């Protein structure tokens, strides 16, 4: 089975960090930013799974 890697662009990484910084400053806590990180990681895993399913021979 072929392996696919999803990489963040520099712009996407900067945007993600800005989102984390915004919510950390707004809430005066890092907890929500950590929840967002977990959500981002779950979405990436789902995207990788979908890509792998599309690559499977039928």
N, C-alpha and C. Protein backbone atom coordinates (compact mmCIF):
# COMPACT_ATOMS: atom_id res chain seq x y z
N UNK A 1 0.83 -1.16 0.00
CA UNK A 1 0.00 0.00 0.00
C UNK A 1 0.89 1.24 0.00
N UNK A 2 0.56 2.20 -0.85
CA UNK A 2 1.34 3.43 -0.95
C UNK A 2 1.05 4.33 0.25
N UNK A 3 2.07 5.03 0.66
CA UNK A 3 1.93 5.94 1.80
C UNK A 3 1.92 7.37 1.28
N UNK A 4 1.01 8.17 1.81
CA UNK A 4 0.94 9.57 1.42
C UNK A 4 1.20 10.44 2.64
N UNK A 5 1.85 11.56 2.42
CA UNK A 5 2.14 12.47 3.51
C UNK A 5 1.50 13.82 3.22
N UNK A 6 0.84 14.35 4.21
CA UNK A 6 0.25 15.67 4.08
C UNK A 6 1.16 16.64 4.81
N UNK A 7 1.63 17.67 4.10
CA UNK A 7 2.54 18.65 4.69
C UNK A 7 1.86 20.01 4.75
N UNK A 8 2.12 20.71 5.82
CA UNK A 8 1.62 22.07 5.97
C UNK A 8 2.53 23.01 5.18
N UNK A 9 1.93 23.95 4.44
CA UNK A 9 2.73 24.98 3.80
C UNK A 9 3.18 25.98 4.88
N UNK A 10 4.14 26.81 4.53
CA UNK A 10 4.61 27.82 5.48
C UNK A 10 3.45 28.73 5.88
N UNK A 11 2.67 29.15 4.91
CA UNK A 11 1.53 30.05 5.19
C UNK A 11 0.51 29.36 6.10
N UNK A 12 0.21 28.12 5.83
CA UNK A 12 -0.76 27.39 6.65
C UNK A 12 -0.24 27.23 8.08
N UNK A 13 1.04 26.96 8.23
CA UNK A 13 1.64 26.83 9.55
C UNK A 13 1.57 28.16 10.31
N UNK A 14 1.87 29.24 9.61
CA UNK A 14 1.79 30.57 10.24
C UNK A 14 0.36 30.88 10.66
N UNK A 15 -0.60 30.57 9.81
CA UNK A 15 -2.01 30.81 10.13
C UNK A 15 -2.44 29.98 11.34
N UNK A 16 -2.01 28.72 11.36
CA UNK A 16 -2.36 27.84 12.47
C UNK A 16 -1.80 28.38 13.78
N UNK A 17 -0.55 28.82 13.76
CA UNK A 17 0.06 29.38 14.97
C UNK A 17 -0.63 30.67 15.39
N UNK A 18 -1.06 31.48 14.43
CA UNK A 18 -1.78 32.72 14.75
C UNK A 18 -3.13 32.40 15.41
N UNK A 19 -3.78 31.35 14.94
CA UNK A 19 -5.05 30.92 15.55
C UNK A 19 -4.81 30.48 16.98
N UNK A 20 -3.77 29.69 17.20
CA UNK A 20 -3.44 29.25 18.56
C UNK A 20 -3.15 30.45 19.46
N UNK A 21 -2.37 31.39 18.95
CA UNK A 21 -2.01 32.57 19.75
C UNK A 21 -3.25 33.39 20.09
N UNK A 22 -4.14 33.57 19.11
CA UNK A 22 -5.36 34.33 19.34
C UNK A 22 -6.18 33.71 20.48
N UNK A 23 -6.42 32.40 20.40
CA UNK A 23 -7.27 31.76 21.40
C UNK A 23 -6.58 31.68 22.76
N UNK A 24 -5.27 31.54 22.76
CA UNK A 24 -4.53 31.52 24.02
C UNK A 24 -4.64 32.88 24.71
N UNK A 25 -4.47 33.96 23.94
CA UNK A 25 -4.58 35.30 24.51
C UNK A 25 -6.01 35.63 24.92
N UNK A 26 -6.97 35.22 24.10
CA UNK A 26 -8.37 35.53 24.39
C UNK A 26 -8.85 34.82 25.65
N UNK A 27 -8.49 33.55 25.79
CA UNK A 27 -8.97 32.75 26.92
C UNK A 27 -8.01 32.75 28.10
N UNK A 28 -6.83 33.33 27.92
CA UNK A 28 -5.80 33.33 28.97
C UNK A 28 -5.47 31.91 29.42
N UNK A 29 -5.55 31.00 28.47
CA UNK A 29 -5.28 29.58 28.74
C UNK A 29 -4.90 28.91 27.42
N UNK A 30 -4.06 27.90 27.52
CA UNK A 30 -3.62 27.17 26.33
C UNK A 30 -4.52 25.96 26.04
N UNK A 31 -5.47 25.69 26.89
CA UNK A 31 -6.29 24.48 26.75
C UNK A 31 -7.05 24.43 25.42
N UNK A 32 -7.67 25.54 25.02
CA UNK A 32 -8.42 25.52 23.77
C UNK A 32 -7.50 25.33 22.57
N UNK A 33 -6.32 25.95 22.60
CA UNK A 33 -5.35 25.77 21.52
C UNK A 33 -4.92 24.31 21.43
N UNK A 34 -4.78 23.65 22.58
CA UNK A 34 -4.43 22.22 22.57
C UNK A 34 -5.56 21.38 21.97
N UNK A 35 -6.80 21.75 22.26
CA UNK A 35 -7.94 21.04 21.67
C UNK A 35 -7.96 21.23 20.15
N UNK A 36 -7.64 22.45 19.71
CA UNK A 36 -7.58 22.71 18.27
C UNK A 36 -6.49 21.87 17.60
N UNK A 37 -5.34 21.77 18.26
CA UNK A 37 -4.24 20.96 17.72
C UNK A 37 -4.68 19.50 17.56
N UNK A 38 -5.37 18.99 18.55
CA UNK A 38 -5.87 17.62 18.48
C UNK A 38 -6.86 17.47 17.32
N UNK A 39 -7.72 18.45 17.15
CA UNK A 39 -8.69 18.41 16.06
C UNK A 39 -7.99 18.46 14.70
N UNK A 40 -7.01 19.35 14.56
CA UNK A 40 -6.24 19.42 13.31
C UNK A 40 -5.60 18.06 13.00
N UNK A 41 -5.02 17.43 14.00
CA UNK A 41 -4.36 16.14 13.80
C UNK A 41 -5.35 15.06 13.40
N UNK A 42 -6.55 15.08 13.98
CA UNK A 42 -7.57 14.10 13.62
C UNK A 42 -8.02 14.28 12.18
N UNK A 43 -8.15 15.53 11.75
CA UNK A 43 -8.54 15.80 10.37
C UNK A 43 -7.47 15.32 9.40
N UNK A 44 -6.21 15.54 9.74
CA UNK A 44 -5.12 15.08 8.88
C UNK A 44 -5.13 13.56 8.75
N UNK A 45 -5.35 12.87 9.87
CA UNK A 45 -5.42 11.40 9.82
C UNK A 45 -6.57 10.95 8.93
N UNK A 46 -7.71 11.62 9.02
CA UNK A 46 -8.86 11.28 8.19
C UNK A 46 -8.55 11.52 6.72
N UNK A 47 -7.91 12.64 6.41
CA UNK A 47 -7.54 12.93 5.02
C UNK A 47 -6.58 11.88 4.49
N UNK A 48 -5.62 11.46 5.29
CA UNK A 48 -4.68 10.44 4.86
C UNK A 48 -5.40 9.12 4.60
N UNK A 49 -6.34 8.76 5.47
CA UNK A 49 -7.11 7.54 5.28
C UNK A 49 -7.89 7.59 3.97
N UNK A 50 -8.53 8.72 3.71
CA UNK A 50 -9.31 8.87 2.48
C UNK A 50 -8.41 8.76 1.25
N UNK A 51 -7.25 9.42 1.30
CA UNK A 51 -6.32 9.33 0.17
C UNK A 51 -5.86 7.90 -0.07
N UNK A 52 -5.58 7.18 1.00
CA UNK A 52 -5.14 5.79 0.85
C UNK A 52 -6.25 4.93 0.26
N UNK A 53 -7.49 5.19 0.65
CA UNK A 53 -8.60 4.43 0.09
C UNK A 53 -8.76 4.69 -1.40
N UNK A 54 -8.50 5.92 -1.80
CA UNK A 54 -8.61 6.25 -3.23
C UNK A 54 -7.49 5.62 -4.05
N UNK A 55 -6.36 5.35 -3.41
CA UNK A 55 -5.23 4.77 -4.13
C UNK A 55 -5.31 3.24 -4.26
N UNK A 56 -6.16 2.63 -3.46
CA UNK A 56 -6.27 1.17 -3.50
C UNK A 56 -6.79 0.72 -4.85
N UNK A 57 -6.19 -0.32 -5.40
CA UNK A 57 -6.70 -0.86 -6.66
C UNK A 57 -8.08 -1.49 -6.43
N UNK A 58 -8.93 -1.35 -7.40
CA UNK A 58 -10.29 -1.88 -7.27
C UNK A 58 -10.46 -3.21 -7.92
